[in-house]
Amino acid sequence: MKVYIDFLFFLNFGFDFLLLLSVSYLLKRNISLKKLCIGALIGALSILFLFFPLNSFTLFLLKVAVSILMIFATFGYQSKRYFIKNILYLYLNSIVLGGALYFLNVQFSMKQKGLIFFHNGLSINVLVLFFASPVIIYVYVKQLKELKTHYSNYYEVSFSYQSFDYHMTAFLDTGNQIKDPYMKRPVILMNKSTFKTNIRSPIYIPYHAVGHDGMLTCLLLPEIDIKGVGVRKKVLLGFMEEDIKIDGVEMLLQQKVLEG
């Protein structure tokens, strides 16, 4: 069987370049094209290990060493956490890409009858898999970025009122622009059904929503503690009659509250 080492080299280079590029994009490393190519070149050279009589364990250790060199050459070393995070994302992206390509190949090369799978003699051309890789990486990176953006808007909020302690999951709602018309203080919102006691000295604030206007029942909290942000003093808390329609969320924050 003929093995075209130059073809395998460039194929490996292309895959490694895509993986390093995805790590750079996901972690916002802003790495130059030159460094990405150097890292991919180091990874591509690992194809030479296949032509030496190495056992599986030795081959595994060499591949780990090569991946560390790839990360070091591409991203450098700034701190232990920075370095480990780069390596973890490289392996995570490798697993996603490898798993997706394996799935595509199996889907096209296997037939099923009941619980029995057998090879049907077909297999996706390696070039087809190669050109499918950027699409797979693009979709994966796009979805992961959207997921990270979504969950970066979640916060843990704590406050006390009339001897009751509240620990709530809050979401930063950019559409929440309700504020006190006199002092221009922003209003955070929570489910009225979650509140455990009567509201003393309520404050009523007019609000406008799609299709109707109304008065929002609020109270002035001495302070709230937003984990990872800090303590905010004299915060207006408004009560919603309808439950918040975001899974697991009990409170809606405003950007101005986070800014202080």
C-alpha atoms as a PDB file:
ATOM      1  CA  MET A   1       0.000   0.000   0.000  1.00  0.00           C
ATOM      2  CA  LYS A   2       1.365   3.416  -0.972  1.00  0.00           C
ATOM      3  CA  VAL A   3       1.484   6.050   1.746  1.00  0.00           C
ATOM      4  CA  TYR A   4       1.898   9.622   0.541  1.00  0.00           C
ATOM      5  CA  ILE A   5       3.662  11.280   3.437  1.00  0.00           C
ATOM      6  CA  ASP A   6       3.411  14.748   1.876  1.00  0.00           C
ATOM      7  CA  PHE A   7      -0.377  14.377   1.560  1.00  0.00           C
ATOM      8  CA  LEU A   8      -0.696  13.197   5.182  1.00  0.00           C
ATOM      9  CA  PHE A   9       1.531  16.056   6.309  1.00  0.00           C
ATOM     10  CA  PHE A  10      -0.569  18.776   4.656  1.00  0.00           C
ATOM     11  CA  LEU A  11      -3.785  17.111   5.805  1.00  0.00           C
ATOM     12  CA  ASN A  12      -2.535  17.053   9.386  1.00  0.00           C
ATOM     13  CA  PHE A  13      -1.328  20.652   9.062  1.00  0.00           C
ATOM     14  CA  GLY A  14      -4.782  21.763   7.926  1.00  0.00           C
ATOM     15  CA  PHE A  15      -6.565  20.043  10.818  1.00  0.00           C
ATOM     16  CA  ASP A  16      -4.103  21.425  13.398  1.00  0.00           C
ATOM     17  CA  PHE A  17      -4.402  24.932  11.950  1.00  0.00           C
ATOM     18  CA  LEU A  18      -8.202  24.793  12.247  1.00  0.00           C
ATOM     19  CA  LEU A  19      -7.991  23.595  15.853  1.00  0.00           C
ATOM     20  CA  LEU A  20      -5.521  26.300  16.892  1.00  0.00           C
ATOM     21  CA  LEU A  21      -7.557  28.949  15.088  1.00  0.00           C
ATOM     22  CA  SER A  22     -10.712  27.860  16.936  1.00  0.00           C
ATOM     23  CA  VAL A  23      -8.883  28.006  20.297  1.00  0.00           C
ATOM     24  CA  SER A  24      -7.611  31.499  19.476  1.00  0.00           C
ATOM     25  CA  TYR A  25     -11.097  32.686  18.530  1.00  0.00           C
ATOM     26  CA  LEU A  26     -12.921  31.129  21.483  1.00  0.00           C
ATOM     27  CA  LEU A  27     -10.450  32.436  24.064  1.00  0.00           C
ATOM     28  CA  LYS A  28      -9.938  35.801  22.280  1.00  0.00           C
ATOM     29  CA  ARG A  29      -6.159  35.333  22.089  1.00  0.00           C
ATOM     30  CA  ASN A  30      -5.658  37.510  18.981  1.00  0.00           C
ATOM     31  CA  ILE A  31      -2.780  35.379  17.681  1.00  0.00           C
ATOM     32  CA  SER A  32      -0.996  36.198  14.429  1.00  0.00           C
ATOM     33  CA  LEU A  33      -1.270  33.971  11.358  1.00  0.00           C
ATOM     34  CA  LYS A  34       2.466  33.286  11.560  1.00  0.00           C
ATOM     35  CA  LYS A  35       2.226  31.791  15.064  1.00  0.00           C
ATOM     36  CA  LEU A  36      -0.806  29.713  14.080  1.00  0.00           C
ATOM     37  CA  CYS A  37       1.159  28.290  11.151  1.00  0.00           C
ATOM     38  CA  ILE A  38       4.175  27.509  13.363  1.00  0.00           C
ATOM     39  CA  GLY A  39       1.962  25.668  15.839  1.00  0.00           C
ATOM     40  CA  ALA A  40       0.212  23.752  13.056  1.00  0.00           C
ATOM     41  CA  LEU A  41       3.599  22.847  11.539  1.00  0.00           C
ATOM     42  CA  ILE A  42       4.749  21.338  14.835  1.00  0.00           C
ATOM     43  CA  GLY A  43       1.536  19.337  15.024  1.00  0.00           C
ATOM     44  CA  ALA A  44       1.868  18.162  11.425  1.00  0.00           C
ATOM     45  CA  LEU A  45       5.371  16.812  12.092  1.00  0.00           C
ATOM     46  CA  SER A  46       3.854  14.334  14.558  1.00  0.00           C
ATOM     47  CA  ILE A  47       2.734  12.307  11.530  1.00  0.00           C
ATOM     48  CA  LEU A  48       6.338  11.040  11.358  1.00  0.00           C
ATOM     49  CA  PHE A  49       5.789   9.066  14.572  1.00  0.00           C
ATOM     50  CA  LEU A  50       3.554   6.670  12.635  1.00  0.00           C
ATOM     51  CA  PHE A  51       6.561   5.417  10.671  1.00  0.00           C
ATOM     52  CA  PHE A  52       8.481   4.290  13.751  1.00  0.00           C
ATOM     53  CA  PRO A  53       7.861   1.050  15.690  1.00  0.00           C
ATOM     54  CA  LEU A  54       6.355   2.691  18.782  1.00  0.00           C
ATOM     55  CA  ASN A  55       3.884   1.106  21.174  1.00  0.00           C
ATOM     56  CA  SER A  56       0.547   2.789  21.861  1.00  0.00           C
ATOM     57  CA  PHE A  57       1.549   4.246  25.225  1.00  0.00           C
ATOM     58  CA  THR A  58       4.760   5.809  23.892  1.00  0.00           C
ATOM     59  CA  LEU A  59       2.847   7.209  20.913  1.00  0.00           C
ATOM     60  CA  PHE A  60       0.282   8.707  23.293  1.00  0.00           C
ATOM     61  CA  LEU A  61       2.987  10.416  25.389  1.00  0.00           C
ATOM     62  CA  LEU A  62       4.655  11.807  22.274  1.00  0.00           C
ATOM     63  CA  LYS A  63       1.346  13.218  21.027  1.00  0.00           C
ATOM     64  CA  VAL A  64       0.747  14.902  24.397  1.00  0.00           C
ATOM     65  CA  ALA A  65       4.253  16.393  24.239  1.00  0.00           C
ATOM     66  CA  VAL A  66       3.598  17.655  20.702  1.00  0.00           C
ATOM     67  CA  SER A  67       0.295  19.266  21.733  1.00  0.00           C
ATOM     68  CA  ILE A  68       2.094  21.082  24.572  1.00  0.00           C
ATOM     69  CA  LEU A  69       4.734  22.318  22.121  1.00  0.00           C
ATOM     70  CA  MET A  70       1.986  23.443  19.735  1.00  0.00           C
ATOM     71  CA  ILE A  71       0.328  25.511  22.449  1.00  0.00           C
ATOM     72  CA  PHE A  72       3.628  26.960  23.654  1.00  0.00           C
ATOM     73  CA  ALA A  73       4.714  27.933  20.125  1.00  0.00           C
ATOM     74  CA  THR A  74       1.334  29.438  19.241  1.00  0.00           C
ATOM     75  CA  PHE A  75       0.181  31.151  22.435  1.00  0.00           C
ATOM     76  CA  GLY A  76       3.322  31.353  24.546  1.00  0.00           C
ATOM     77  CA  TYR A  77       3.306  31.115  28.345  1.00  0.00           C
ATOM     78  CA  GLN A  78       1.790  33.905  30.447  1.00  0.00           C
ATOM     79  CA  SER A  79       0.600  31.971  33.471  1.00  0.00           C
ATOM     80  CA  LYS A  80      -0.193  28.419  34.527  1.00  0.00           C
ATOM     81  CA  ARG A  81      -3.949  29.026  34.220  1.00  0.00           C
ATOM     82  CA  TYR A  82      -3.549  30.628  30.774  1.00  0.00           C
ATOM     83  CA  PHE A  83      -1.444  27.713  29.516  1.00  0.00           C
ATOM     84  CA  ILE A  84      -3.699  24.956  30.887  1.00  0.00           C
ATOM     85  CA  LYS A  85      -6.823  26.639  29.518  1.00  0.00           C
ATOM     86  CA  ASN A  86      -5.279  26.741  26.033  1.00  0.00           C
ATOM     87  CA  ILE A  87      -4.444  23.025  26.192  1.00  0.00           C
ATOM     88  CA  LEU A  88      -7.891  22.069  27.492  1.00  0.00           C
ATOM     89  CA  TYR A  89      -9.619  23.944  24.684  1.00  0.00           C
ATOM     90  CA  LEU A  90      -7.305  22.355  22.113  1.00  0.00           C
ATOM     91  CA  TYR A  91      -8.304  18.875  23.305  1.00  0.00           C
ATOM     92  CA  LEU A  92     -11.973  19.813  23.605  1.00  0.00           C
ATOM     93  CA  ASN A  93     -12.044  21.094  20.030  1.00  0.00           C
ATOM     94  CA  SER A  94     -10.129  18.010  18.856  1.00  0.00           C
ATOM     95  CA  ILE A  95     -12.718  15.722  20.447  1.00  0.00           C
ATOM     96  CA  VAL A  96     -15.613  17.642  18.871  1.00  0.00           C
ATOM     97  CA  LEU A  97     -14.042  17.695  15.397  1.00  0.00           C
ATOM     98  CA  GLY A  98     -12.839  14.088  15.559  1.00  0.00           C
ATOM     99  CA  GLY A  99     -16.194  12.865  16.844  1.00  0.00           C
ATOM    100  CA  ALA A 100     -18.113  14.736  14.144  1.00  0.00           C
ATOM    101  CA  LEU A 101     -15.892  13.396  11.348  1.00  0.00           C
ATOM    102  CA  TYR A 102     -16.122   9.854  12.718  1.00  0.00           C
ATOM    103  CA  PHE A 103     -19.911  10.151  12.896  1.00  0.00           C
ATOM    104  CA  LEU A 104     -20.124  11.333   9.279  1.00  0.00           C
ATOM    105  CA  ASN A 105     -17.905   8.503   8.083  1.00  0.00           C
ATOM    106  CA  VAL A 106     -19.883   5.867   9.998  1.00  0.00           C
ATOM    107  CA  GLN A 107     -23.209   7.260   8.775  1.00  0.00           C
ATOM    108  CA  PHE A 108     -22.138   6.921   5.153  1.00  0.00           C
ATOM    109  CA  SER A 109     -20.183   3.668   5.414  1.00  0.00           C
ATOM    110  CA  MET A 110     -22.462   1.540   7.618  1.00  0.00           C
ATOM    111  CA  LYS A 111     -25.862  -0.025   7.017  1.00  0.00           C
ATOM    112  CA  GLN A 112     -28.274  -1.200   9.659  1.00  0.00           C
ATOM    113  CA  LYS A 113     -30.695  -4.105   9.742  1.00  0.00           C
ATOM    114  CA  GLY A 114     -32.443  -4.209  13.079  1.00  0.00           C
ATOM    115  CA  LEU A 115     -29.705  -4.155  15.702  1.00  0.00           C
ATOM    116  CA  ILE A 116     -27.036  -5.322  13.261  1.00  0.00           C
ATOM    117  CA  PHE A 117     -24.605  -2.871  11.642  1.00  0.00           C
ATOM    118  CA  PHE A 118     -22.358  -3.847   8.749  1.00  0.00           C
ATOM    119  CA  HIS A 119     -20.007  -2.122   6.317  1.00  0.00           C
ATOM    120  CA  ASN A 120     -21.557  -1.386   2.945  1.00  0.00           C
ATOM    121  CA  GLY A 121     -18.307  -0.838   1.105  1.00  0.00           C
ATOM    122  CA  LEU A 122     -18.621   2.940   0.967  1.00  0.00           C
ATOM    123  CA  SER A 123     -16.544   5.501   2.818  1.00  0.00           C
ATOM    124  CA  ILE A 124     -16.400   9.269   2.670  1.00  0.00           C
ATOM    125  CA  ASN A 125     -13.348  10.470   0.795  1.00  0.00           C
ATOM    126  CA  VAL A 126     -10.767  11.958   3.163  1.00  0.00           C
ATOM    127  CA  LEU A 127     -10.811  15.202   1.167  1.00  0.00           C
ATOM    128  CA  VAL A 128     -14.565  15.505   1.722  1.00  0.00           C
ATOM    129  CA  LEU A 129     -13.973  15.131   5.461  1.00  0.00           C
ATOM    130  CA  PHE A 130     -11.197  17.701   5.284  1.00  0.00           C
ATOM    131  CA  PHE A 131     -13.377  20.303   3.584  1.00  0.00           C
ATOM    132  CA  ALA A 132     -16.247  19.519   5.964  1.00  0.00           C
ATOM    133  CA  SER A 133     -13.991  20.286   8.939  1.00  0.00           C
ATOM    134  CA  PRO A 134     -14.130  24.119   8.673  1.00  0.00           C
ATOM    135  CA  VAL A 135     -17.926  23.954   8.569  1.00  0.00           C
ATOM    136  CA  ILE A 136     -18.014  21.719  11.659  1.00  0.00           C
ATOM    137  CA  ILE A 137     -15.582  23.967  13.542  1.00  0.00           C
ATOM    138  CA  TYR A 138     -17.509  27.104  12.509  1.00  0.00           C
ATOM    139  CA  VAL A 139     -20.860  25.736  13.715  1.00  0.00           C
ATOM    140  CA  TYR A 140     -19.326  24.450  16.955  1.00  0.00           C
ATOM    141  CA  VAL A 141     -17.504  27.720  17.726  1.00  0.00           C
ATOM    142  CA  LYS A 142     -20.571  29.825  16.881  1.00  0.00           C
ATOM    143  CA  GLN A 143     -22.831  27.780  19.171  1.00  0.00           C
ATOM    144  CA  LEU A 144     -20.290  27.749  21.987  1.00  0.00           C
ATOM    145  CA  LYS A 145     -19.812  31.527  21.787  1.00  0.00           C
ATOM    146  CA  GLU A 146     -23.574  32.064  21.923  1.00  0.00           C
ATOM    147  CA  LEU A 147     -23.804  29.731  24.918  1.00  0.00           C
ATOM    148  CA  LYS A 148     -20.989  31.541  26.737  1.00  0.00           C
ATOM    149  CA  THR A 149     -22.584  34.930  26.029  1.00  0.00           C
ATOM    150  CA  HIS A 150     -25.948  33.701  27.277  1.00  0.00           C
ATOM    151  CA  TYR A 151     -24.638  32.271  30.542  1.00  0.00           C
ATOM    152  CA  SER A 152     -22.386  35.271  31.195  1.00  0.00           C
ATOM    153  CA  ASN A 153     -25.618  37.186  31.855  1.00  0.00           C
ATOM    154  CA  TYR A 154     -26.509  35.013  34.865  1.00  0.00           C
ATOM    155  CA  TYR A 155     -25.768  36.276  38.387  1.00  0.00           C
ATOM    156  CA  GLU A 156     -26.341  35.211  41.982  1.00  0.00           C
ATOM    157  CA  VAL A 157     -28.054  37.893  44.068  1.00  0.00           C
ATOM    158  CA  SER A 158     -28.553  37.951  47.847  1.00  0.00           C
ATOM    159  CA  PHE A 159     -30.483  40.365  50.059  1.00  0.00           C
ATOM    160  CA  SER A 160     -32.379  40.449  53.342  1.00  0.00           C
ATOM    161  CA  TYR A 161     -35.797  41.886  54.155  1.00  0.00           C
ATOM    162  CA  GLN A 162     -37.762  41.643  57.413  1.00  0.00           C
ATOM    163  CA  SER A 163     -35.592  38.831  58.817  1.00  0.00           C
ATOM    164  CA  PHE A 164     -35.891  36.775  55.617  1.00  0.00           C
ATOM    165  CA  ASP A 165     -32.782  36.002  53.558  1.00  0.00           C
ATOM    166  CA  TYR A 166     -33.108  35.664  49.797  1.00  0.00           C
ATOM    167  CA  HIS A 167     -30.630  33.959  47.466  1.00  0.00           C
ATOM    168  CA  MET A 168     -31.745  34.256  43.872  1.00  0.00           C
ATOM    169  CA  THR A 169     -30.636  33.447  40.345  1.00  0.00           C
ATOM    170  CA  ALA A 170     -30.798  36.654  38.311  1.00  0.00           C
ATOM    171  CA  PHE A 171     -30.513  37.409  34.616  1.00  0.00           C
ATOM    172  CA  LEU A 172     -29.277  40.630  33.038  1.00  0.00           C
ATOM    173  CA  ASP A 173     -32.261  41.798  30.999  1.00  0.00           C
ATOM    174  CA  THR A 174     -31.168  44.467  28.523  1.00  0.00           C
ATOM    175  CA  GLY A 175     -34.832  45.148  27.754  1.00  0.00           C
ATOM    176  CA  ASN A 176     -35.591  46.169  31.330  1.00  0.00           C
ATOM    177  CA  GLN A 177     -35.468  49.977  31.314  1.00  0.00           C
ATOM    178  CA  ILE A 178     -37.906  50.669  34.174  1.00  0.00           C
ATOM    179  CA  LYS A 179     -36.727  53.432  36.486  1.00  0.00           C
ATOM    180  CA  ASP A 180     -37.983  55.805  39.145  1.00  0.00           C
ATOM    181  CA  PRO A 181     -39.289  58.851  37.205  1.00  0.00           C
ATOM    182  CA  TYR A 182     -38.173  61.259  39.934  1.00  0.00           C
ATOM    183  CA  MET A 183     -34.720  60.068  41.022  1.00  0.00           C
ATOM    184  CA  LYS A 184     -33.999  58.001  37.882  1.00  0.00           C
ATOM    185  CA  ARG A 185     -33.065  54.928  39.917  1.00  0.00           C
ATOM    186  CA  PRO A 186     -33.160  51.645  37.943  1.00  0.00           C
ATOM    187  CA  VAL A 187     -35.615  48.951  39.027  1.00  0.00           C
ATOM    188  CA  ILE A 188     -34.776  45.263  39.267  1.00  0.00           C
ATOM    189  CA  LEU A 189     -37.651  42.788  39.009  1.00  0.00           C
ATOM    190  CA  MET A 190     -38.607  39.549  40.721  1.00  0.00           C
ATOM    191  CA  ASN A 191     -41.559  37.169  40.877  1.00  0.00           C
ATOM    192  CA  LYS A 192     -44.109  38.396  43.402  1.00  0.00           C
ATOM    193  CA  SER A 193     -44.922  34.789  44.301  1.00  0.00           C
ATOM    194  CA  THR A 194     -41.319  34.299  45.492  1.00  0.00           C
ATOM    195  CA  PHE A 195     -41.538  37.058  48.108  1.00  0.00           C
ATOM    196  CA  LYS A 196     -42.192  35.671  51.586  1.00  0.00           C
ATOM    197  CA  THR A 197     -43.703  38.622  53.465  1.00  0.00           C
ATOM    198  CA  ASN A 198     -45.901  41.697  53.119  1.00  0.00           C
ATOM    199  CA  ILE A 199     -44.448  44.791  51.510  1.00  0.00           C
ATOM    200  CA  ARG A 200     -44.122  47.684  53.939  1.00  0.00           C
ATOM    201  CA  SER A 201     -44.224  51.236  52.589  1.00  0.00           C
ATOM    202  CA  PRO A 202     -44.518  50.242  48.922  1.00  0.00           C
ATOM    203  CA  ILE A 203     -43.420  52.618  46.183  1.00  0.00           C
ATOM    204  CA  TYR A 204     -45.495  52.738  42.999  1.00  0.00           C
ATOM    205  CA  ILE A 205     -43.692  53.390  39.743  1.00  0.00           C
ATOM    206  CA  PRO A 206     -45.447  53.841  36.389  1.00  0.00           C
ATOM    207  CA  TYR A 207     -44.300  51.555  33.604  1.00  0.00           C
ATOM    208  CA  HIS A 208     -45.087  50.967  29.967  1.00  0.00           C
ATOM    209  CA  ALA A 209     -45.180  47.518  28.407  1.00  0.00           C
ATOM    210  CA  VAL A 210     -46.298  46.276  25.014  1.00  0.00           C
ATOM    211  CA  GLY A 211     -50.069  46.741  24.868  1.00  0.00           C
ATOM    212  CA  HIS A 212     -50.645  48.280  28.282  1.00  0.00           C
ATOM    213  CA  ASP A 213     -49.470  50.713  30.961  1.00  0.00           C
ATOM    214  CA  GLY A 214     -49.598  50.218  34.700  1.00  0.00           C
ATOM    215  CA  MET A 215     -48.177  50.879  38.155  1.00  0.00           C
ATOM    216  CA  LEU A 216     -45.418  48.625  39.428  1.00  0.00           C
ATOM    217  CA  THR A 217     -45.309  47.853  43.150  1.00  0.00           C
ATOM    218  CA  CYS A 218     -41.755  48.328  44.433  1.00  0.00           C
ATOM    219  CA  LEU A 219     -39.818  48.537  47.660  1.00  0.00           C
ATOM    220  CA  LEU A 220     -36.479  50.130  48.442  1.00  0.00           C
ATOM    221  CA  LEU A 221     -33.897  47.583  49.589  1.00  0.00           C
ATOM    222  CA  PRO A 222     -31.067  48.901  51.780  1.00  0.00           C
ATOM    223  CA  GLU A 223     -28.590  46.805  49.791  1.00  0.00           C
ATOM    224  CA  ILE A 224     -28.166  43.762  47.582  1.00  0.00           C
ATOM    225  CA  ASP A 225     -25.064  41.642  47.057  1.00  0.00           C
ATOM    226  CA  ILE A 226     -24.368  40.581  43.460  1.00  0.00           C
ATOM    227  CA  LYS A 227     -21.796  37.788  43.435  1.00  0.00           C
ATOM    228  CA  GLY A 228     -18.767  38.741  41.383  1.00  0.00           C
ATOM    229  CA  VAL A 229     -19.922  42.365  41.100  1.00  0.00           C
ATOM    230  CA  GLY A 230     -20.285  43.678  44.643  1.00  0.00           C
ATOM    231  CA  VAL A 231     -22.763  45.339  46.994  1.00  0.00           C
ATOM    232  CA  ARG A 232     -25.238  47.882  45.654  1.00  0.00           C
ATOM    233  CA  LYS A 233     -26.973  50.304  48.041  1.00  0.00           C
ATOM    234  CA  LYS A 234     -30.607  51.486  47.974  1.00  0.00           C
ATOM    235  CA  VAL A 235     -31.898  49.389  45.118  1.00  0.00           C
ATOM    236  CA  LEU A 236     -35.512  49.492  43.930  1.00  0.00           C
ATOM    237  CA  LEU A 237     -37.085  46.047  43.693  1.00  0.00           C
ATOM    238  CA  GLY A 238     -40.255  45.692  41.618  1.00  0.00           C
ATOM    239  CA  PHE A 239     -42.692  42.784  41.753  1.00  0.00           C
ATOM    240  CA  MET A 240     -44.029  41.052  38.654  1.00  0.00           C
ATOM    241  CA  GLU A 241     -47.479  39.488  38.745  1.00  0.00           C
ATOM    242  CA  GLU A 242     -46.489  36.952  36.083  1.00  0.00           C
ATOM    243  CA  ASP A 243     -43.569  34.599  36.614  1.00  0.00           C
ATOM    244  CA  ILE A 244     -40.335  35.259  34.745  1.00  0.00           C
ATOM    245  CA  LYS A 245     -40.300  33.041  31.675  1.00  0.00           C
ATOM    246  CA  ILE A 246     -36.616  32.099  31.755  1.00  0.00           C
ATOM    247  CA  ASP A 247     -35.825  28.665  33.181  1.00  0.00           C
ATOM    248  CA  GLY A 248     -34.355  28.875  36.676  1.00  0.00           C
ATOM    249  CA  VAL A 249     -34.406  32.694  36.791  1.00  0.00           C
ATOM    250  CA  GLU A 250     -36.150  34.478  39.677  1.00  0.00           C
ATOM    251  CA  MET A 251     -34.925  38.030  39.163  1.00  0.00           C
ATOM    252  CA  LEU A 252     -34.181  40.424  36.276  1.00  0.00           C
ATOM    253  CA  LEU A 253     -31.309  42.879  36.628  1.00  0.00           C
ATOM    254  CA  GLN A 254     -30.526  46.133  34.851  1.00  0.00           C
ATOM    255  CA  GLN A 255     -27.156  47.091  33.400  1.00  0.00           C
ATOM    256  CA  LYS A 256     -27.125  50.326  35.421  1.00  0.00           C
ATOM    257  CA  VAL A 257     -27.394  48.338  38.658  1.00  0.00           C
ATOM    258  CA  LEU A 258     -24.284  46.355  37.697  1.00  0.00           C
ATOM    259  CA  GLU A 259     -22.447  49.555  36.831  1.00  0.00           C
ATOM    260  CA  GLY A 260     -23.296  50.991  40.241  1.00  0.00           C
END
